[in-house]
Amino acid sequence: MDEPSGAVVFSDEAVEDPQEIASRLLQRALQLGDRGNGDWLHSSAVKTHTRRMDPSVSEKALGFKSFSDFLEANSIIAQLEETGHEHLVRSAD
């Protein structure tokens, strides 16, 4: 039997949480930028790496006012240091 017009069909695939996806991308961007010595990275460079891996990721779409707010919310993954106009980040582990 045909489905009625406008019927909602549910897939068996689970939809991943966008916050979890963004956090994994952040972790990966920090790993790519780190050369094994725990260097501080400019947060703008980390954001650029994250966006290159997935251009659809946006901290604003996740409810954050800024990328720094997104980093602060992911303190298990990223350590943020703000000195003046400079925003630096490194892996928290």
Foldseek 3Di string as FASTA:
>chain_A
DDDDPPDDDDDPDDDDDLLVVLLVLLLVLQVVVDPPPFDWDFLVSSVVSSCVVPVVDDVVVVPDPDVVRSQVVNLQFKDWDDDPPTIIIHGND
